[in-house]
């Protein structure tokens, strides 16, 4: 899969979402949370799964929202392809505020809160 420095691409004809697990935005967030939970044995696998799960959720919602526009005279197949382009799907995950909050909440439930830890 050729997704260098892109988050994902959607193959509309195949209805297939390809996500680049190595994308640097994902890797940066995994590293940041792994650093915060370095004191918890086995945290790395949990952090990796949780971070990827929330980014995946964001990408799936973008694709499903795009597909909901099918059948409209104002949204051609070409328009839908643009909405699901590698650049558009990368843009979808760049605002990370909500993803970050969901990751924090999920990791707190799975690995314990960081509230009492010194940053």
PDB file of N, CA and C in Angstrom:
ATOM      1  N   UNK A   1       0.859  -1.179   0.000  1.00  0.00           N
ATOM      2  CA  UNK A   1       0.000   0.000   0.000  1.00  0.00           C
ATOM      3  C   UNK A   1       0.894   1.228   0.000  1.00  0.00           C
ATOM      4  N   UNK A   2       0.646   2.127  -0.928  1.00  0.00           N
ATOM      5  CA  UNK A   2       1.460   3.329  -1.057  1.00  0.00           C
ATOM      6  C   UNK A   2       0.716   4.514  -0.447  1.00  0.00           C
ATOM      7  N   UNK A   3       0.895   4.703   0.846  1.00  0.00           N
ATOM      8  CA  UNK A   3       0.241   5.806   1.554  1.00  0.00           C
ATOM      9  C   UNK A   3       1.275   6.615   2.329  1.00  0.00           C
ATOM     10  N   UNK A   4       2.392   6.889   1.702  1.00  0.00           N
ATOM     11  CA  UNK A   4       3.449   7.596   2.412  1.00  0.00           C
ATOM     12  C   UNK A   4       2.973   8.965   2.879  1.00  0.00           C
ATOM     13  N   UNK A   5       3.062   9.176   4.182  1.00  0.00           N
ATOM     14  CA  UNK A   5       2.686  10.423   4.848  1.00  0.00           C
ATOM     15  C   UNK A   5       1.234  10.826   4.590  1.00  0.00           C
ATOM     16  N   UNK A   6       0.377   9.834   4.463  1.00  0.00           N
ATOM     17  CA  UNK A   6      -1.068  10.030   4.347  1.00  0.00           C
ATOM     18  C   UNK A   6      -1.737   9.114   5.370  1.00  0.00           C
ATOM     19  N   UNK A   7      -2.881   9.538   5.887  1.00  0.00           N
ATOM     20  CA  UNK A   7      -3.587   8.758   6.911  1.00  0.00           C
ATOM     21  C   UNK A   7      -4.299   7.549   6.326  1.00  0.00           C
ATOM     22  N   UNK A   8      -4.955   7.749   5.189  1.00  0.00           N
ATOM     23  CA  UNK A   8      -5.785   6.667   4.651  1.00  0.00           C
ATOM     24  C   UNK A   8      -6.198   6.982   3.227  1.00  0.00           C
ATOM     25  N   UNK A   9      -6.777   5.967   2.612  1.00  0.00           N
ATOM     26  CA  UNK A   9      -7.456   6.179   1.341  1.00  0.00           C
ATOM     27  C   UNK A   9      -8.651   5.240   1.296  1.00  0.00           C
ATOM     28  N   UNK A  10      -9.666   5.674   0.568  1.00  0.00           N
ATOM     29  CA  UNK A  10     -10.881   4.886   0.428  1.00  0.00           C
ATOM     30  C   UNK A  10     -11.055   4.529  -1.039  1.00  0.00           C
ATOM     31  N   UNK A  11     -11.187   3.241  -1.288  1.00  0.00           N
ATOM     32  CA  UNK A  11     -11.431   2.761  -2.647  1.00  0.00           C
ATOM     33  C   UNK A  11     -12.944   2.626  -2.794  1.00  0.00           C
ATOM     34  N   UNK A  12     -13.540   3.644  -3.386  1.00  0.00           N
ATOM     35  CA  UNK A  12     -14.995   3.752  -3.399  1.00  0.00           C
ATOM     36  C   UNK A  12     -15.654   2.603  -4.164  1.00  0.00           C
ATOM     37  N   UNK A  13     -15.062   2.176  -5.255  1.00  0.00           N
ATOM     38  CA  UNK A  13     -15.645   1.083  -6.050  1.00  0.00           C
ATOM     39  C   UNK A  13     -15.617  -0.237  -5.281  1.00  0.00           C
ATOM     40  N   UNK A  14     -14.581  -0.423  -4.457  1.00  0.00           N
ATOM     41  CA  UNK A  14     -14.440  -1.658  -3.681  1.00  0.00           C
ATOM     42  C   UNK A  14     -15.037  -1.538  -2.283  1.00  0.00           C
ATOM     43  N   UNK A  15     -15.454  -0.307  -1.913  1.00  0.00           N
ATOM     44  CA  UNK A  15     -15.968  -0.031  -0.566  1.00  0.00           C
ATOM     45  C   UNK A  15     -14.957  -0.483   0.492  1.00  0.00           C
ATOM     46  N   UNK A  16     -13.695  -0.066   0.298  1.00  0.00           N
ATOM     47  CA  UNK A  16     -12.597  -0.518   1.145  1.00  0.00           C
ATOM     48  C   UNK A  16     -11.804   0.680   1.664  1.00  0.00           C
ATOM     49  N   UNK A  17     -11.694   0.769   2.979  1.00  0.00           N
ATOM     50  CA  UNK A  17     -10.913   1.825   3.623  1.00  0.00           C
ATOM     51  C   UNK A  17      -9.553   1.257   4.011  1.00  0.00           C
ATOM     52  N   UNK A  18      -8.498   1.861   3.499  1.00  0.00           N
ATOM     53  CA  UNK A  18      -7.130   1.453   3.817  1.00  0.00           C
ATOM     54  C   UNK A  18      -6.519   2.508   4.716  1.00  0.00           C
ATOM     55  N   UNK A  19      -6.101   2.104   5.903  1.00  0.00           N
ATOM     56  CA  UNK A  19      -5.550   3.040   6.882  1.00  0.00           C
ATOM     57  C   UNK A  19      -4.061   2.767   7.051  1.00  0.00           C
ATOM     58  N   UNK A  20      -3.273   3.812   7.024  1.00  0.00           N
ATOM     59  CA  UNK A  20      -1.827   3.722   7.180  1.00  0.00           C
ATOM     60  C   UNK A  20      -1.485   3.748   8.670  1.00  0.00           C
ATOM     61  N   UNK A  21      -1.333   2.586   9.256  1.00  0.00           N
ATOM     62  CA  UNK A  21      -1.057   2.480  10.697  1.00  0.00           C
ATOM     63  C   UNK A  21       0.254   3.159  11.084  1.00  0.00           C
ATOM     64  N   UNK A  22       1.141   3.355  10.125  1.00  0.00           N
ATOM     65  CA  UNK A  22       2.445   3.973  10.396  1.00  0.00           C
ATOM     66  C   UNK A  22       2.440   5.486  10.210  1.00  0.00           C
ATOM     67  N   UNK A  23       1.301   6.062   9.892  1.00  0.00           N
ATOM     68  CA  UNK A  23       1.233   7.509   9.662  1.00  0.00           C
ATOM     69  C   UNK A  23       1.759   8.252  10.883  1.00  0.00           C
ATOM     70  N   UNK A  24       2.558   9.269  10.650  1.00  0.00           N
ATOM     71  CA  UNK A  24       3.276   9.931  11.748  1.00  0.00           C
ATOM     72  C   UNK A  24       2.364  10.583  12.784  1.00  0.00           C
ATOM     73  N   UNK A  25       1.192  11.035  12.398  1.00  0.00           N
ATOM     74  CA  UNK A  25       0.267  11.621  13.374  1.00  0.00           C
ATOM     75  C   UNK A  25      -0.183  10.547  14.362  1.00  0.00           C
ATOM     76  N   UNK A  26      -0.470   9.349  13.848  1.00  0.00           N
ATOM     77  CA  UNK A  26      -0.850   8.240  14.729  1.00  0.00           C
ATOM     78  C   UNK A  26       0.325   7.858  15.629  1.00  0.00           C
ATOM     79  N   UNK A  27       1.500   7.728  15.017  1.00  0.00           N
ATOM     80  CA  UNK A  27       2.694   7.320  15.764  1.00  0.00           C
ATOM     81  C   UNK A  27       3.056   8.329  16.853  1.00  0.00           C
ATOM     82  N   UNK A  28       2.908   9.620  16.561  1.00  0.00           N
ATOM     83  CA  UNK A  28       3.211  10.655  17.555  1.00  0.00           C
ATOM     84  C   UNK A  28       2.278  10.554  18.761  1.00  0.00           C
ATOM     85  N   UNK A  29       0.998  10.317  18.502  1.00  0.00           N
ATOM     86  CA  UNK A  29       0.063  10.210  19.619  1.00  0.00           C
ATOM     87  C   UNK A  29       0.326   8.938  20.421  1.00  0.00           C
ATOM     88  N   UNK A  30       0.617   7.839  19.753  1.00  0.00           N
ATOM     89  CA  UNK A  30       0.942   6.600  20.458  1.00  0.00           C
ATOM     90  C   UNK A  30       2.153   6.822  21.347  1.00  0.00           C
ATOM     91  N   UNK A  31       3.186   7.446  20.807  1.00  0.00           N
ATOM     92  CA  UNK A  31       4.406   7.683  21.592  1.00  0.00           C
ATOM     93  C   UNK A  31       4.115   8.561  22.810  1.00  0.00           C
ATOM     94  N   UNK A  32       3.359   9.633  22.607  1.00  0.00           N
ATOM     95  CA  UNK A  32       3.049  10.543  23.713  1.00  0.00           C
ATOM     96  C   UNK A  32       2.318   9.817  24.836  1.00  0.00           C
ATOM     97  N   UNK A  33       1.317   8.989  24.496  1.00  0.00           N
ATOM     98  CA  UNK A  33       0.568   8.273  25.525  1.00  0.00           C
ATOM     99  C   UNK A  33       1.384   7.137  26.126  1.00  0.00           C
ATOM    100  N   UNK A  34       2.235   6.513  25.329  1.00  0.00           N
ATOM    101  CA  UNK A  34       3.128   5.475  25.885  1.00  0.00           C
ATOM    102  C   UNK A  34       4.089   6.092  26.899  1.00  0.00           C
ATOM    103  N   UNK A  35       4.586   7.276  26.603  1.00  0.00           N
ATOM    104  CA  UNK A  35       5.464   7.967  27.547  1.00  0.00           C
ATOM    105  C   UNK A  35       4.725   8.263  28.854  1.00  0.00           C
ATOM    106  N   UNK A  36       3.477   8.673  28.747  1.00  0.00           N
ATOM    107  CA  UNK A  36       2.693   8.996  29.944  1.00  0.00           C
ATOM    108  C   UNK A  36       2.375   7.752  30.774  1.00  0.00           C
ATOM    109  N   UNK A  37       2.221   6.629  30.105  1.00  0.00           N
ATOM    110  CA  UNK A  37       1.883   5.377  30.801  1.00  0.00           C
ATOM    111  C   UNK A  37       3.077   4.423  30.894  1.00  0.00           C
ATOM    112  N   UNK A  38       4.282   4.958  30.801  1.00  0.00           N
ATOM    113  CA  UNK A  38       5.492   4.126  30.858  1.00  0.00           C
ATOM    114  C   UNK A  38       5.582   3.343  32.164  1.00  0.00           C
ATOM    115  N   UNK A  39       4.952   3.827  33.216  1.00  0.00           N
ATOM    116  CA  UNK A  39       4.981   3.174  34.525  1.00  0.00           C
ATOM    117  C   UNK A  39       4.031   1.975  34.616  1.00  0.00           C
ATOM    118  N   UNK A  40       3.199   1.772  33.590  1.00  0.00           N
ATOM    119  CA  UNK A  40       2.217   0.680  33.611  1.00  0.00           C
ATOM    120  C   UNK A  40       2.702  -0.453  32.717  1.00  0.00           C
ATOM    121  N   UNK A  41       2.938  -1.639  33.290  1.00  0.00           N
ATOM    122  CA  UNK A  41       3.380  -2.776  32.483  1.00  0.00           C
ATOM    123  C   UNK A  41       2.335  -3.131  31.421  1.00  0.00           C
ATOM    124  N   UNK A  42       2.800  -3.350  30.194  1.00  0.00           N
ATOM    125  CA  UNK A  42       1.905  -3.746  29.107  1.00  0.00           C
ATOM    126  C   UNK A  42       1.104  -2.617  28.498  1.00  0.00           C
ATOM    127  N   UNK A  43       1.391  -1.394  28.896  1.00  0.00           N
ATOM    128  CA  UNK A  43       0.600  -0.253  28.423  1.00  0.00           C
ATOM    129  C   UNK A  43       0.758  -0.004  26.925  1.00  0.00           C
ATOM    130  N   UNK A  44       1.912  -0.294  26.399  1.00  0.00           N
ATOM    131  CA  UNK A  44       2.174   0.042  24.998  1.00  0.00           C
ATOM    132  C   UNK A  44       1.156  -0.591  24.048  1.00  0.00           C
ATOM    133  N   UNK A  45       0.852  -1.849  24.233  1.00  0.00           N
ATOM    134  CA  UNK A  45      -0.116  -2.525  23.356  1.00  0.00           C
ATOM    135  C   UNK A  45      -1.505  -1.919  23.496  1.00  0.00           C
ATOM    136  N   UNK A  46      -1.885  -1.607  24.729  1.00  0.00           N
ATOM    137  CA  UNK A  46      -3.206  -1.004  24.976  1.00  0.00           C
ATOM    138  C   UNK A  46      -3.264   0.382  24.344  1.00  0.00           C
ATOM    139  N   UNK A  47      -2.232   1.182  24.557  1.00  0.00           N
ATOM    140  CA  UNK A  47      -2.189   2.530  23.984  1.00  0.00           C
ATOM    141  C   UNK A  47      -2.281   2.452  22.469  1.00  0.00           C
ATOM    142  N   UNK A  48      -1.509   1.596  21.867  1.00  0.00           N
ATOM    143  CA  UNK A  48      -1.510   1.447  20.415  1.00  0.00           C
ATOM    144  C   UNK A  48      -2.913   1.108  19.910  1.00  0.00           C
ATOM    145  N   UNK A  49      -3.560   0.143  20.539  1.00  0.00           N
ATOM    146  CA  UNK A  49      -4.906  -0.263  20.126  1.00  0.00           C
ATOM    147  C   UNK A  49      -5.912   0.871  20.290  1.00  0.00           C
ATOM    148  N   UNK A  50      -5.869   1.554  21.415  1.00  0.00           N
ATOM    149  CA  UNK A  50      -6.848   2.609  21.705  1.00  0.00           C
ATOM    150  C   UNK A  50      -6.661   3.793  20.749  1.00  0.00           C
ATOM    151  N   UNK A  51      -5.443   4.220  20.551  1.00  0.00           N
ATOM    152  CA  UNK A  51      -5.185   5.353  19.651  1.00  0.00           C
ATOM    153  C   UNK A  51      -5.651   5.013  18.239  1.00  0.00           C
ATOM    154  N   UNK A  52      -5.274   3.845  17.761  1.00  0.00           N
ATOM    155  CA  UNK A  52      -5.680   3.460  16.406  1.00  0.00           C
ATOM    156  C   UNK A  52      -7.193   3.309  16.298  1.00  0.00           C
ATOM    157  N   UNK A  53      -7.821   2.804  17.339  1.00  0.00           N
ATOM    158  CA  UNK A  53      -9.281   2.642  17.334  1.00  0.00           C
ATOM    159  C   UNK A  53      -9.987   3.985  17.161  1.00  0.00           C
ATOM    160  N   UNK A  54      -9.521   5.026  17.861  1.00  0.00           N
ATOM    161  CA  UNK A  54     -10.191   6.318  17.787  1.00  0.00           C
ATOM    162  C   UNK A  54      -9.925   7.031  16.464  1.00  0.00           C
ATOM    163  N   UNK A  55      -8.726   6.895  15.919  1.00  0.00           N
ATOM    164  CA  UNK A  55      -8.481   7.463  14.591  1.00  0.00           C
ATOM    165  C   UNK A  55      -9.292   6.713  13.540  1.00  0.00           C
ATOM    166  N   UNK A  56      -9.360   5.399  13.672  1.00  0.00           N
ATOM    167  CA  UNK A  56     -10.159   4.594  12.752  1.00  0.00           C
ATOM    168  C   UNK A  56     -11.620   5.023  12.794  1.00  0.00           C
ATOM    169  N   UNK A  57     -12.129   5.258  13.987  1.00  0.00           N
ATOM    170  CA  UNK A  57     -13.512   5.715  14.148  1.00  0.00           C
ATOM    171  C   UNK A  57     -13.743   7.013  13.372  1.00  0.00           C
ATOM    172  N   UNK A  58     -12.828   7.951  13.493  1.00  0.00           N
ATOM    173  CA  UNK A  58     -12.952   9.237  12.797  1.00  0.00           C
ATOM    174  C   UNK A  58     -12.962   9.039  11.285  1.00  0.00           C
ATOM    175  N   UNK A  59     -12.093   8.186  10.784  1.00  0.00           N
ATOM    176  CA  UNK A  59     -12.013   7.931   9.348  1.00  0.00           C
ATOM    177  C   UNK A  59     -13.262   7.218   8.840  1.00  0.00           C
ATOM    178  N   UNK A  60     -13.752   6.254   9.582  1.00  0.00           N
ATOM    179  CA  UNK A  60     -14.962   5.528   9.185  1.00  0.00           C
ATOM    180  C   UNK A  60     -16.153   6.485   9.126  1.00  0.00           C
ATOM    181  N   UNK A  61     -16.269   7.347  10.118  1.00  0.00           N
ATOM    182  CA  UNK A  61     -17.373   8.316  10.115  1.00  0.00           C
ATOM    183  C   UNK A  61     -17.297   9.236   8.909  1.00  0.00           C
ATOM    184  N   UNK A  62     -16.097   9.660   8.531  1.00  0.00           N
ATOM    185  CA  UNK A  62     -15.939  10.530   7.362  1.00  0.00           C
ATOM    186  C   UNK A  62     -16.382   9.808   6.095  1.00  0.00           C
ATOM    187  N   UNK A  63     -15.998   8.553   5.963  1.00  0.00           N
ATOM    188  CA  UNK A  63     -16.375   7.781   4.781  1.00  0.00           C
ATOM    189  C   UNK A  63     -17.883   7.526   4.765  1.00  0.00           C
ATOM    190  N   UNK A  64     -18.444   7.130   5.888  1.00  0.00           N
ATOM    191  CA  UNK A  64     -19.888   6.877   5.939  1.00  0.00           C
ATOM    192  C   UNK A  64     -20.678   8.158   5.658  1.00  0.00           C
ATOM    193  N   UNK A  65     -20.214   9.263   6.182  1.00  0.00           N
ATOM    194  CA  UNK A  65     -20.867  10.541   5.897  1.00  0.00           C
ATOM    195  C   UNK A  65     -20.810  10.887   4.420  1.00  0.00           C
ATOM    196  N   UNK A  66     -19.684  10.622   3.808  1.00  0.00           N
ATOM    197  CA  UNK A  66     -19.528  10.853   2.372  1.00  0.00           C
ATOM    198  C   UNK A  66     -20.472   9.965   1.580  1.00  0.00           C
ATOM    199  N   UNK A  67     -20.522   8.692   1.922  1.00  0.00           N
ATOM    200  CA  UNK A  67     -21.376   7.754   1.193  1.00  0.00           C
ATOM    201  C   UNK A  67     -22.858   8.102   1.337  1.00  0.00           C
ATOM    202  N   UNK A  68     -23.216   8.760   2.431  1.00  0.00           N
ATOM    203  CA  UNK A  68     -24.615   9.165   2.631  1.00  0.00           C
ATOM    204  C   UNK A  68     -25.032  10.232   1.619  1.00  0.00           C
ATOM    205  N   UNK A  69     -24.068  10.884   0.990  1.00  0.00           N
ATOM    206  CA  UNK A  69     -24.372  11.906  -0.009  1.00  0.00           C
ATOM    207  C   UNK A  69     -24.636  11.316  -1.395  1.00  0.00           C
ATOM    208  N   UNK A  70     -24.400  10.021  -1.564  1.00  0.00           N
ATOM    209  CA  UNK A  70     -24.633   9.378  -2.862  1.00  0.00           C
ATOM    210  C   UNK A  70     -26.077   9.560  -3.296  1.00  0.00           C
ATOM    211  N   UNK A  71     -26.260   9.638  -4.593  1.00  0.00           N
ATOM    212  CA  UNK A  71     -27.608   9.724  -5.138  1.00  0.00           C
ATOM    213  C   UNK A  71     -28.118  11.149  -5.285  1.00  0.00           C
ATOM    214  N   UNK A  72     -27.366  12.117  -4.805  1.00  0.00           N
ATOM    215  CA  UNK A  72     -27.751  13.516  -4.922  1.00  0.00           C
ATOM    216  C   UNK A  72     -27.252  14.063  -6.257  1.00  0.00           C
ATOM    217  N   UNK A  73     -28.043  14.908  -6.881  1.00  0.00           N
ATOM    218  CA  UNK A  73     -27.601  15.546  -8.123  1.00  0.00           C
ATOM    219  C   UNK A  73     -26.409  16.466  -7.878  1.00  0.00           C
ATOM    220  N   UNK A  74     -26.295  16.946  -6.659  1.00  0.00           N
ATOM    221  CA  UNK A  74     -25.222  17.891  -6.348  1.00  0.00           C
ATOM    222  C   UNK A  74     -23.917  17.217  -5.939  1.00  0.00           C
ATOM    223  N   UNK A  75     -23.957  15.900  -5.721  1.00  0.00           N
ATOM    224  CA  UNK A  75     -22.752  15.171  -5.320  1.00  0.00           C
ATOM    225  C   UNK A  75     -22.517  14.031  -6.307  1.00  0.00           C
ATOM    226  N   UNK A  76     -21.661  14.301  -7.275  1.00  0.00           N
ATOM    227  CA  UNK A  76     -21.338  13.285  -8.280  1.00  0.00           C
ATOM    228  C   UNK A  76     -20.335  12.286  -7.698  1.00  0.00           C
ATOM    229  N   UNK A  77     -20.119  11.202  -8.423  1.00  0.00           N
ATOM    230  CA  UNK A  77     -19.118  10.211  -8.003  1.00  0.00           C
ATOM    231  C   UNK A  77     -17.746  10.868  -7.893  1.00  0.00           C
ATOM    232  N   UNK A  78     -17.461  11.803  -8.780  1.00  0.00           N
ATOM    233  CA  UNK A  78     -16.172  12.508  -8.728  1.00  0.00           C
ATOM    234  C   UNK A  78     -16.060  13.349  -7.451  1.00  0.00           C
ATOM    235  N   UNK A  79     -17.135  14.020  -7.067  1.00  0.00           N
ATOM    236  CA  UNK A  79     -17.135  14.777  -5.812  1.00  0.00           C
ATOM    237  C   UNK A  79     -16.879  13.848  -4.628  1.00  0.00           C
ATOM    238  N   UNK A  80     -17.533  12.706  -4.621  1.00  0.00           N
ATOM    239  CA  UNK A  80     -17.358  11.741  -3.527  1.00  0.00           C
ATOM    240  C   UNK A  80     -15.929  11.228  -3.483  1.00  0.00           C
ATOM    241  N   UNK A  81     -15.348  11.018  -4.637  1.00  0.00           N
ATOM    242  CA  UNK A  81     -13.947  10.584  -4.683  1.00  0.00           C
ATOM    243  C   UNK A  81     -13.033  11.643  -4.063  1.00  0.00           C
ATOM    244  N   UNK A  82     -13.322  12.905  -4.328  1.00  0.00           N
ATOM    245  CA  UNK A  82     -12.522  13.980  -3.730  1.00  0.00           C
ATOM    246  C   UNK A  82     -12.660  13.989  -2.209  1.00  0.00           C
ATOM    247  N   UNK A  83     -13.882  13.786  -1.719  1.00  0.00           N
ATOM    248  CA  UNK A  83     -14.107  13.756  -0.267  1.00  0.00           C
ATOM    249  C   UNK A  83     -13.393  12.585   0.398  1.00  0.00           C
ATOM    250  N   UNK A  84     -13.155  11.539  -0.358  1.00  0.00           N
ATOM    251  CA  UNK A  84     -12.481  10.352   0.187  1.00  0.00           C
ATOM    252  C   UNK A  84     -11.050  10.219  -0.315  1.00  0.00           C
ATOM    253  N   UNK A  85     -10.504  11.309  -0.819  1.00  0.00           N
ATOM    254  CA  UNK A  85      -9.116  11.256  -1.301  1.00  0.00           C
ATOM    255  C   UNK A  85      -8.163  11.101  -0.117  1.00  0.00           C
ATOM    256  N   UNK A  86      -6.950  10.724  -0.407  1.00  0.00           N
ATOM    257  CA  UNK A  86      -5.939  10.578   0.640  1.00  0.00           C
ATOM    258  C   UNK A  86      -5.749  11.890   1.395  1.00  0.00           C
ATOM    259  N   UNK A  87      -5.746  13.001   0.665  1.00  0.00           N
ATOM    260  CA  UNK A  87      -5.551  14.294   1.308  1.00  0.00           C
ATOM    261  C   UNK A  87      -6.743  14.656   2.192  1.00  0.00           C
ATOM    262  N   UNK A  88      -7.951  14.400   1.702  1.00  0.00           N
ATOM    263  CA  UNK A  88      -9.151  14.717   2.489  1.00  0.00           C
ATOM    264  C   UNK A  88      -9.219  13.859   3.743  1.00  0.00           C
ATOM    265  N   UNK A  89      -8.923  12.579   3.621  1.00  0.00           N
ATOM    266  CA  UNK A  89      -8.967  11.697   4.796  1.00  0.00           C
ATOM    267  C   UNK A  89      -7.851  12.038   5.777  1.00  0.00           C
ATOM    268  N   UNK A  90      -6.744  12.504   5.283  1.00  0.00           N
ATOM    269  CA  UNK A  90      -5.682  12.963   6.182  1.00  0.00           C
ATOM    270  C   UNK A  90      -6.152  14.212   6.927  1.00  0.00           C
ATOM    271  N   UNK A  91      -6.802  15.110   6.218  1.00  0.00           N
ATOM    272  CA  UNK A  91      -7.312  16.333   6.850  1.00  0.00           C
ATOM    273  C   UNK A  91      -8.342  16.016   7.929  1.00  0.00           C
ATOM    274  N   UNK A  92      -9.099  14.953   7.735  1.00  0.00           N
ATOM    275  CA  UNK A  92     -10.137  14.556   8.696  1.00  0.00           C
ATOM    276  C   UNK A  92      -9.558  14.283  10.080  1.00  0.00           C
ATOM    277  N   UNK A  93      -8.354  13.735  10.150  1.00  0.00           N
ATOM    278  CA  UNK A  93      -7.794  13.345  11.453  1.00  0.00           C
ATOM    279  C   UNK A  93      -6.837  14.388  12.033  1.00  0.00           C
ATOM    280  N   UNK A  94      -6.588  15.464  11.300  1.00  0.00           N
ATOM    281  CA  UNK A  94      -5.654  16.463  11.809  1.00  0.00           C
ATOM    282  C   UNK A  94      -6.179  17.223  13.026  1.00  0.00           C
ATOM    283  N   UNK A  95      -7.460  17.591  13.078  1.00  0.00           N
ATOM    284  CA  UNK A  95      -7.965  18.169  14.327  1.00  0.00           C
ATOM    285  C   UNK A  95      -8.112  17.050  15.353  1.00  0.00           C
ATOM    286  N   UNK A  96      -7.293  17.066  16.374  1.00  0.00           N
ATOM    287  CA  UNK A  96      -7.218  15.909  17.270  1.00  0.00           C
ATOM    288  C   UNK A  96      -7.818  16.126  18.652  1.00  0.00           C
ATOM    289  N   UNK A  97      -8.438  17.241  18.901  1.00  0.00           N
ATOM    290  CA  UNK A  97      -8.954  17.543  20.232  1.00  0.00           C
ATOM    291  C   UNK A  97      -9.895  16.444  20.745  1.00  0.00           C
ATOM    292  N   UNK A  98     -10.888  16.083  19.948  1.00  0.00           N
ATOM    293  CA  UNK A  98     -11.869  15.084  20.386  1.00  0.00           C
ATOM    294  C   UNK A  98     -11.265  13.678  20.449  1.00  0.00           C
ATOM    295  N   UNK A  99     -10.392  13.381  19.514  1.00  0.00           N
ATOM    296  CA  UNK A  99      -9.715  12.079  19.553  1.00  0.00           C
ATOM    297  C   UNK A  99      -8.864  11.997  20.812  1.00  0.00           C
ATOM    298  N   UNK A 100      -8.116  13.045  21.083  1.00  0.00           N
ATOM    299  CA  UNK A 100      -7.251  13.083  22.273  1.00  0.00           C
ATOM    300  C   UNK A 100      -8.074  12.879  23.549  1.00  0.00           C
ATOM    301  N   UNK A 101      -9.210  13.558  23.655  1.00  0.00           N
ATOM    302  CA  UNK A 101     -10.059  13.407  24.844  1.00  0.00           C
ATOM    303  C   UNK A 101     -10.617  11.997  24.976  1.00  0.00           C
ATOM    304  N   UNK A 102     -11.010  11.401  23.856  1.00  0.00           N
ATOM    305  CA  UNK A 102     -11.527  10.036  23.906  1.00  0.00           C
ATOM    306  C   UNK A 102     -10.431   9.031  24.247  1.00  0.00           C
ATOM    307  N   UNK A 103      -9.246   9.236  23.711  1.00  0.00           N
ATOM    308  CA  UNK A 103      -8.111   8.373  24.047  1.00  0.00           C
ATOM    309  C   UNK A 103      -7.815   8.489  25.545  1.00  0.00           C
ATOM    310  N   UNK A 104      -7.774   9.702  26.045  1.00  0.00           N
ATOM    311  CA  UNK A 104      -7.495   9.925  27.471  1.00  0.00           C
ATOM    312  C   UNK A 104      -8.529   9.212  28.347  1.00  0.00           C
ATOM    313  N   UNK A 105      -9.798   9.365  27.997  1.00  0.00           N
ATOM    314  CA  UNK A 105     -10.872   8.740  28.778  1.00  0.00           C
ATOM    315  C   UNK A 105     -10.776   7.209  28.719  1.00  0.00           C
ATOM    316  N   UNK A 106     -10.558   6.680  27.532  1.00  0.00           N
ATOM    317  CA  UNK A 106     -10.480   5.228  27.360  1.00  0.00           C
ATOM    318  C   UNK A 106      -9.270   4.649  28.078  1.00  0.00           C
ATOM    319  N   UNK A 107      -8.124   5.303  27.933  1.00  0.00           N
ATOM    320  CA  UNK A 107      -6.917   4.817  28.612  1.00  0.00           C
ATOM    321  C   UNK A 107      -7.054   4.935  30.121  1.00  0.00           C
ATOM    322  N   UNK A 108      -7.692   5.979  30.593  1.00  0.00           N
ATOM    323  CA  UNK A 108      -7.928   6.125  32.032  1.00  0.00           C
ATOM    324  C   UNK A 108      -8.745   4.963  32.570  1.00  0.00           C
ATOM    325  N   UNK A 109      -9.744   4.538  31.795  1.00  0.00           N
ATOM    326  CA  UNK A 109     -10.583   3.416  32.216  1.00  0.00           C
ATOM    327  C   UNK A 109      -9.822   2.091  32.158  1.00  0.00           C
ATOM    328  N   UNK A 110      -8.939   1.944  31.181  1.00  0.00           N
ATOM    329  CA  UNK A 110      -8.225   0.678  30.995  1.00  0.00           C
ATOM    330  C   UNK A 110      -6.936   0.576  31.807  1.00  0.00           C
ATOM    331  N   UNK A 111      -6.231   1.712  31.924  1.00  0.00           N
ATOM    332  CA  UNK A 111      -4.899   1.671  32.542  1.00  0.00           C
ATOM    333  C   UNK A 111      -4.795   2.470  33.828  1.00  0.00           C
ATOM    334  N   UNK A 112      -5.823   3.208  34.156  1.00  0.00           N
ATOM    335  CA  UNK A 112      -5.799   4.045  35.351  1.00  0.00           C
ATOM    336  C   UNK A 112      -5.575   5.500  34.997  1.00  0.00           C
ATOM    337  N   UNK A 113      -6.061   6.342  35.845  1.00  0.00           N
ATOM    338  CA  UNK A 113      -5.957   7.784  35.606  1.00  0.00           C
ATOM    339  C   UNK A 113      -4.537   8.283  35.831  1.00  0.00           C
ATOM    340  N   UNK A 114      -4.223   9.359  35.144  1.00  0.00           N
ATOM    341  CA  UNK A 114      -2.912   9.999  35.309  1.00  0.00           C
ATOM    342  C   UNK A 114      -3.032  11.234  36.186  1.00  0.00           C
ATOM    343  N   UNK A 115      -4.189  11.448  36.740  1.00  0.00           N
ATOM    344  CA  UNK A 115      -4.483  12.661  37.497  1.00  0.00           C
ATOM    345  C   UNK A 115      -3.477  12.930  38.604  1.00  0.00           C
ATOM    346  N   UNK A 116      -3.065  11.903  39.316  1.00  0.00           N
ATOM    347  CA  UNK A 116      -2.186  12.081  40.458  1.00  0.00           C
ATOM    348  C   UNK A 116      -0.696  11.978  40.097  1.00  0.00           C
ATOM    349  N   UNK A 117      -0.398  11.719  38.821  1.00  0.00           N
ATOM    350  CA  UNK A 117       0.999  11.581  38.397  1.00  0.00           C
ATOM    351  C   UNK A 117       1.571  12.935  38.052  1.00  0.00           C
ATOM    352  N   UNK A 118       2.829  13.130  38.330  1.00  0.00           N
ATOM    353  CA  UNK A 118       3.527  14.369  37.980  1.00  0.00           C
ATOM    354  C   UNK A 118       3.878  14.275  36.496  1.00  0.00           C
ATOM    355  N   UNK A 119       3.564  15.326  35.747  1.00  0.00           N
ATOM    356  CA  UNK A 119       3.812  15.331  34.303  1.00  0.00           C
ATOM    357  C   UNK A 119       5.289  15.409  33.988  1.00  0.00           C
TER     358      UNK A 119
END
